[in-house]
């Protein structure tokens, strides 16, 4: 994992407990499957089933 393009690093203790993230291309993805964003936003608000939801906090690691 390239920590220069990732807001997280292996010693970062700020992870959101209870949230599992599998999106390794997200800059908030912690190497062990956790999220280190300050908060997350899930949407859209008109979703009716889980497959219609997405993480609006996602930012590509290359941005």
PDB file of N, CA and C in Angstrom:
ATOM      1  N   UNK A   1       0.839  -1.169   0.000  1.00  0.00           N
ATOM      2  CA  UNK A   1       0.000   0.000   0.000  1.00  0.00           C
ATOM      3  C   UNK A   1       0.889   1.238   0.000  1.00  0.00           C
ATOM      4  N   UNK A   2       0.549   2.213  -0.814  1.00  0.00           N
ATOM      5  CA  UNK A   2       1.315   3.436  -0.902  1.00  0.00           C
ATOM      6  C   UNK A   2       0.736   4.454   0.065  1.00  0.00           C
ATOM      7  N   UNK A   3       1.378   4.680   1.187  1.00  0.00           N
ATOM      8  CA  UNK A   3       0.857   5.567   2.216  1.00  0.00           C
ATOM      9  C   UNK A   3       0.856   7.030   1.796  1.00  0.00           C
ATOM     10  N   UNK A   4       1.639   7.407   0.765  1.00  0.00           N
ATOM     11  CA  UNK A   4       1.646   8.781   0.323  1.00  0.00           C
ATOM     12  C   UNK A   4       0.300   9.183  -0.282  1.00  0.00           C
ATOM     13  N   UNK A   5      -0.401   8.244  -0.860  1.00  0.00           N
ATOM     14  CA  UNK A   5      -1.684   8.548  -1.474  1.00  0.00           C
ATOM     15  C   UNK A   5      -2.837   8.082  -0.611  1.00  0.00           C
ATOM     16  N   UNK A   6      -2.565   7.705   0.598  1.00  0.00           N
ATOM     17  CA  UNK A   6      -3.568   7.172   1.502  1.00  0.00           C
ATOM     18  C   UNK A   6      -3.550   8.032   2.749  1.00  0.00           C
ATOM     19  N   UNK A   7      -4.727   8.464   3.226  1.00  0.00           N
ATOM     20  CA  UNK A   7      -4.760   9.292   4.428  1.00  0.00           C
ATOM     21  C   UNK A   7      -4.394   8.490   5.660  1.00  0.00           C
ATOM     22  N   UNK A   8      -4.504   7.190   5.566  1.00  0.00           N
ATOM     23  CA  UNK A   8      -4.228   6.312   6.698  1.00  0.00           C
ATOM     24  C   UNK A   8      -2.788   5.834   6.625  1.00  0.00           C
ATOM     25  N   UNK A   9      -2.283   5.426   7.735  1.00  0.00           N
ATOM     26  CA  UNK A   9      -1.005   4.739   7.752  1.00  0.00           C
ATOM     27  C   UNK A   9      -1.091   3.653   8.812  1.00  0.00           C
ATOM     28  N   UNK A  10      -0.197   2.716   8.811  1.00  0.00           N
ATOM     29  CA  UNK A  10      -0.301   1.584   9.734  1.00  0.00           C
ATOM     30  C   UNK A  10      -0.369   1.957  11.208  1.00  0.00           C
ATOM     31  N   UNK A  11       0.130   3.143  11.578  1.00  0.00           N
ATOM     32  CA  UNK A  11       0.079   3.540  12.981  1.00  0.00           C
ATOM     33  C   UNK A  11      -1.118   4.434  13.301  1.00  0.00           C
ATOM     34  N   UNK A  12      -1.900   4.775  12.286  1.00  0.00           N
ATOM     35  CA  UNK A  12      -3.073   5.624  12.493  1.00  0.00           C
ATOM     36  C   UNK A  12      -4.102   4.895  13.333  1.00  0.00           C
ATOM     37  N   UNK A  13      -4.450   5.463  14.454  1.00  0.00           N
ATOM     38  CA  UNK A  13      -5.410   4.830  15.356  1.00  0.00           C
ATOM     39  C   UNK A  13      -6.828   5.324  15.107  1.00  0.00           C
ATOM     40  N   UNK A  14      -6.991   6.298  14.203  1.00  0.00           N
ATOM     41  CA  UNK A  14      -8.323   6.843  13.951  1.00  0.00           C
ATOM     42  C   UNK A  14      -9.037   6.018  12.875  1.00  0.00           C
ATOM     43  N   UNK A  15      -9.661   4.974  13.304  1.00  0.00           N
ATOM     44  CA  UNK A  15     -10.489   4.176  12.399  1.00  0.00           C
ATOM     45  C   UNK A  15     -11.906   4.192  12.963  1.00  0.00           C
ATOM     46  N   UNK A  16     -12.874   4.028  12.091  1.00  0.00           N
ATOM     47  CA  UNK A  16     -14.267   4.002  12.514  1.00  0.00           C
ATOM     48  C   UNK A  16     -14.598   2.579  12.923  1.00  0.00           C
ATOM     49  N   UNK A  17     -14.784   2.365  14.202  1.00  0.00           N
ATOM     50  CA  UNK A  17     -15.096   1.034  14.716  1.00  0.00           C
ATOM     51  C   UNK A  17     -16.446   0.569  14.174  1.00  0.00           C
ATOM     52  N   UNK A  18     -16.520  -0.682  13.813  1.00  0.00           N
ATOM     53  CA  UNK A  18     -17.765  -1.269  13.326  1.00  0.00           C
ATOM     54  C   UNK A  18     -17.991  -1.118  11.839  1.00  0.00           C
ATOM     55  N   UNK A  19     -17.134  -0.377  11.153  1.00  0.00           N
ATOM     56  CA  UNK A  19     -17.252  -0.206   9.704  1.00  0.00           C
ATOM     57  C   UNK A  19     -16.192  -1.053   9.025  1.00  0.00           C
ATOM     58  N   UNK A  20     -16.619  -1.877   8.091  1.00  0.00           N
ATOM     59  CA  UNK A  20     -15.702  -2.688   7.302  1.00  0.00           C
ATOM     60  C   UNK A  20     -15.663  -2.126   5.892  1.00  0.00           C
ATOM     61  N   UNK A  21     -14.487  -1.919   5.364  1.00  0.00           N
ATOM     62  CA  UNK A  21     -14.331  -1.383   4.016  1.00  0.00           C
ATOM     63  C   UNK A  21     -13.459  -2.322   3.189  1.00  0.00           C
ATOM     64  N   UNK A  22     -13.946  -2.676   2.026  1.00  0.00           N
ATOM     65  CA  UNK A  22     -13.199  -3.536   1.112  1.00  0.00           C
ATOM     66  C   UNK A  22     -12.665  -2.780  -0.098  1.00  0.00           C
ATOM     67  N   UNK A  23     -12.880  -1.477  -0.160  1.00  0.00           N
ATOM     68  CA  UNK A  23     -12.530  -0.684  -1.336  1.00  0.00           C
ATOM     69  C   UNK A  23     -11.083  -0.210  -1.219  1.00  0.00           C
ATOM     70  N   UNK A  24     -10.163  -1.002  -1.714  1.00  0.00           N
ATOM     71  CA  UNK A  24      -8.736  -0.686  -1.547  1.00  0.00           C
ATOM     72  C   UNK A  24      -8.299   0.524  -2.365  1.00  0.00           C
ATOM     73  N   UNK A  25      -9.110   0.999  -3.300  1.00  0.00           N
ATOM     74  CA  UNK A  25      -8.770   2.173  -4.086  1.00  0.00           C
ATOM     75  C   UNK A  25      -9.190   3.472  -3.405  1.00  0.00           C
ATOM     76  N   UNK A  26      -9.840   3.378  -2.241  1.00  0.00           N
ATOM     77  CA  UNK A  26     -10.271   4.572  -1.518  1.00  0.00           C
ATOM     78  C   UNK A  26      -9.136   5.073  -0.627  1.00  0.00           C
ATOM     79  N   UNK A  27      -8.937   6.384  -0.602  1.00  0.00           N
ATOM     80  CA  UNK A  27      -7.867   6.947   0.219  1.00  0.00           C
ATOM     81  C   UNK A  27      -8.117   6.774   1.704  1.00  0.00           C
ATOM     82  N   UNK A  28      -9.359   6.473   2.110  1.00  0.00           N
ATOM     83  CA  UNK A  28      -9.681   6.269   3.510  1.00  0.00           C
ATOM     84  C   UNK A  28      -9.613   4.803   3.930  1.00  0.00           C
ATOM     85  N   UNK A  29      -9.281   3.920   3.006  1.00  0.00           N
ATOM     86  CA  UNK A  29      -9.202   2.490   3.313  1.00  0.00           C
ATOM     87  C   UNK A  29      -7.943   2.206   4.111  1.00  0.00           C
ATOM     88  N   UNK A  30      -8.111   1.648   5.290  1.00  0.00           N
ATOM     89  CA  UNK A  30      -6.982   1.248   6.127  1.00  0.00           C
ATOM     90  C   UNK A  30      -6.578  -0.141   5.668  1.00  0.00           C
ATOM     91  N   UNK A  31      -5.337  -0.470   5.695  1.00  0.00           N
ATOM     92  CA  UNK A  31      -4.828  -1.725   5.172  1.00  0.00           C
ATOM     93  C   UNK A  31      -5.474  -2.981   5.714  1.00  0.00           C
ATOM     94  N   UNK A  32      -6.103  -2.908   6.874  1.00  0.00           N
ATOM     95  CA  UNK A  32      -6.712  -4.109   7.437  1.00  0.00           C
ATOM     96  C   UNK A  32      -8.228  -4.128   7.268  1.00  0.00           C
ATOM     97  N   UNK A  33      -8.742  -3.402   6.263  1.00  0.00           N
ATOM     98  CA  UNK A  33     -10.169  -3.439   5.967  1.00  0.00           C
ATOM     99  C   UNK A  33     -11.022  -2.504   6.791  1.00  0.00           C
ATOM    100  N   UNK A  34     -10.407  -1.499   7.377  1.00  0.00           N
ATOM    101  CA  UNK A  34     -11.155  -0.533   8.169  1.00  0.00           C
ATOM    102  C   UNK A  34     -11.163   0.810   7.461  1.00  0.00           C
ATOM    103  N   UNK A  35     -12.013   1.702   7.935  1.00  0.00           N
ATOM    104  CA  UNK A  35     -12.140   3.038   7.356  1.00  0.00           C
ATOM    105  C   UNK A  35     -11.549   4.056   8.310  1.00  0.00           C
ATOM    106  N   UNK A  36     -10.716   4.961   7.793  1.00  0.00           N
ATOM    107  CA  UNK A  36     -10.114   5.984   8.648  1.00  0.00           C
ATOM    108  C   UNK A  36     -10.576   7.387   8.287  1.00  0.00           C
ATOM    109  N   UNK A  37     -11.706   7.493   7.585  1.00  0.00           N
ATOM    110  CA  UNK A  37     -12.274   8.816   7.333  1.00  0.00           C
ATOM    111  C   UNK A  37     -12.777   9.373   8.659  1.00  0.00           C
ATOM    112  N   UNK A  38     -12.875  10.650   8.773  1.00  0.00           N
ATOM    113  CA  UNK A  38     -13.386  11.248  10.001  1.00  0.00           C
ATOM    114  C   UNK A  38     -14.843  10.895  10.247  1.00  0.00           C
ATOM    115  N   UNK A  39     -15.562  10.627   9.175  1.00  0.00           N
ATOM    116  CA  UNK A  39     -16.962  10.220   9.220  1.00  0.00           C
ATOM    117  C   UNK A  39     -17.283   9.589   7.868  1.00  0.00           C
ATOM    118  N   UNK A  40     -18.396   8.931   7.754  1.00  0.00           N
ATOM    119  CA  UNK A  40     -18.826   8.435   6.454  1.00  0.00           C
ATOM    120  C   UNK A  40     -20.240   8.921   6.176  1.00  0.00           C
ATOM    121  N   UNK A  41     -20.542   9.007   4.889  1.00  0.00           N
ATOM    122  CA  UNK A  41     -21.886   9.356   4.444  1.00  0.00           C
ATOM    123  C   UNK A  41     -22.290   8.289   3.442  1.00  0.00           C
ATOM    124  N   UNK A  42     -23.434   7.669   3.690  1.00  0.00           N
ATOM    125  CA  UNK A  42     -23.938   6.630   2.806  1.00  0.00           C
ATOM    126  C   UNK A  42     -25.217   7.146   2.167  1.00  0.00           C
ATOM    127  N   UNK A  43     -25.359   6.923   0.890  1.00  0.00           N
ATOM    128  CA  UNK A  43     -26.542   7.404   0.180  1.00  0.00           C
ATOM    129  C   UNK A  43     -26.765   6.544  -1.050  1.00  0.00           C
ATOM    130  N   UNK A  44     -27.639   6.898  -1.924  1.00  0.00           N
ATOM    131  CA  UNK A  44     -28.489   8.075  -1.905  1.00  0.00           C
ATOM    132  C   UNK A  44     -29.688   7.890  -0.990  1.00  0.00           C
ATOM    133  N   UNK A  45     -30.347   8.989  -0.682  1.00  0.00           N
ATOM    134  CA  UNK A  45     -31.428   8.917   0.298  1.00  0.00           C
ATOM    135  C   UNK A  45     -32.675   8.203  -0.215  1.00  0.00           C
ATOM    136  N   UNK A  46     -32.809   7.988  -1.512  1.00  0.00           N
ATOM    137  CA  UNK A  46     -33.982   7.296  -2.035  1.00  0.00           C
ATOM    138  C   UNK A  46     -33.760   5.793  -2.226  1.00  0.00           C
ATOM    139  N   UNK A  47     -32.650   5.255  -1.753  1.00  0.00           N
ATOM    140  CA  UNK A  47     -32.377   3.819  -1.879  1.00  0.00           C
ATOM    141  C   UNK A  47     -33.430   3.010  -1.133  1.00  0.00           C
ATOM    142  N   UNK A  48     -33.790   1.872  -1.718  1.00  0.00           N
ATOM    143  CA  UNK A  48     -34.773   0.991  -1.082  1.00  0.00           C
ATOM    144  C   UNK A  48     -34.194  -0.363  -0.708  1.00  0.00           C
ATOM    145  N   UNK A  49     -33.067  -0.747  -1.315  1.00  0.00           N
ATOM    146  CA  UNK A  49     -32.389  -2.001  -0.983  1.00  0.00           C
ATOM    147  C   UNK A  49     -30.892  -1.728  -0.915  1.00  0.00           C
ATOM    148  N   UNK A  50     -30.153  -2.582  -0.223  1.00  0.00           N
ATOM    149  CA  UNK A  50     -28.733  -2.326   0.026  1.00  0.00           C
ATOM    150  C   UNK A  50     -27.912  -2.156  -1.248  1.00  0.00           C
ATOM    151  N   UNK A  51     -28.251  -2.860  -2.303  1.00  0.00           N
ATOM    152  CA  UNK A  51     -27.447  -2.745  -3.532  1.00  0.00           C
ATOM    153  C   UNK A  51     -27.577  -1.378  -4.195  1.00  0.00           C
ATOM    154  N   UNK A  52     -28.542  -0.580  -3.772  1.00  0.00           N
ATOM    155  CA  UNK A  52     -28.704   0.771  -4.307  1.00  0.00           C
ATOM    156  C   UNK A  52     -27.938   1.816  -3.501  1.00  0.00           C
ATOM    157  N   UNK A  53     -27.255   1.404  -2.453  1.00  0.00           N
ATOM    158  CA  UNK A  53     -26.524   2.357  -1.619  1.00  0.00           C
ATOM    159  C   UNK A  53     -25.061   2.416  -2.021  1.00  0.00           C
ATOM    160  N   UNK A  54     -24.406   3.486  -1.621  1.00  0.00           N
ATOM    161  CA  UNK A  54     -22.978   3.629  -1.873  1.00  0.00           C
ATOM    162  C   UNK A  54     -22.382   4.570  -0.842  1.00  0.00           C
ATOM    163  N   UNK A  55     -21.091   4.513  -0.700  1.00  0.00           N
ATOM    164  CA  UNK A  55     -20.387   5.375   0.238  1.00  0.00           C
ATOM    165  C   UNK A  55     -20.066   6.695  -0.465  1.00  0.00           C
ATOM    166  N   UNK A  56     -20.729   7.761  -0.044  1.00  0.00           N
ATOM    167  CA  UNK A  56     -20.508   9.069  -0.640  1.00  0.00           C
ATOM    168  C   UNK A  56     -19.217   9.721  -0.135  1.00  0.00           C
ATOM    169  N   UNK A  57     -18.570   9.119   0.847  1.00  0.00           N
ATOM    170  CA  UNK A  57     -17.312   9.623   1.387  1.00  0.00           C
ATOM    171  C   UNK A  57     -16.117   9.176   0.541  1.00  0.00           C
ATOM    172  N   UNK A  58     -16.304   8.181  -0.302  1.00  0.00           N
ATOM    173  CA  UNK A  58     -15.235   7.627  -1.131  1.00  0.00           C
ATOM    174  C   UNK A  58     -14.468   8.708  -1.875  1.00  0.00           C
ATOM    175  N   UNK A  59     -13.155   8.635  -1.802  1.00  0.00           N
ATOM    176  CA  UNK A  59     -12.269   9.452  -2.622  1.00  0.00           C
ATOM    177  C   UNK A  59     -11.185   8.540  -3.162  1.00  0.00           C
ATOM    178  N   UNK A  60     -10.973   8.615  -4.460  1.00  0.00           N
ATOM    179  CA  UNK A  60      -9.954   7.768  -5.069  1.00  0.00           C
ATOM    180  C   UNK A  60      -8.590   8.149  -4.539  1.00  0.00           C
ATOM    181  N   UNK A  61      -7.796   7.161  -4.280  1.00  0.00           N
ATOM    182  CA  UNK A  61      -6.463   7.354  -3.722  1.00  0.00           C
ATOM    183  C   UNK A  61      -5.588   8.241  -4.598  1.00  0.00           C
ATOM    184  N   UNK A  62      -5.878   8.286  -5.884  1.00  0.00           N
ATOM    185  CA  UNK A  62      -5.038   9.062  -6.810  1.00  0.00           C
ATOM    186  C   UNK A  62      -5.420  10.532  -6.867  1.00  0.00           C
ATOM    187  N   UNK A  63      -6.516  10.938  -6.233  1.00  0.00           N
ATOM    188  CA  UNK A  63      -6.937  12.355  -6.259  1.00  0.00           C
ATOM    189  C   UNK A  63      -6.081  13.195  -5.366  1.00  0.00           C
TER     190      UNK A  63
END
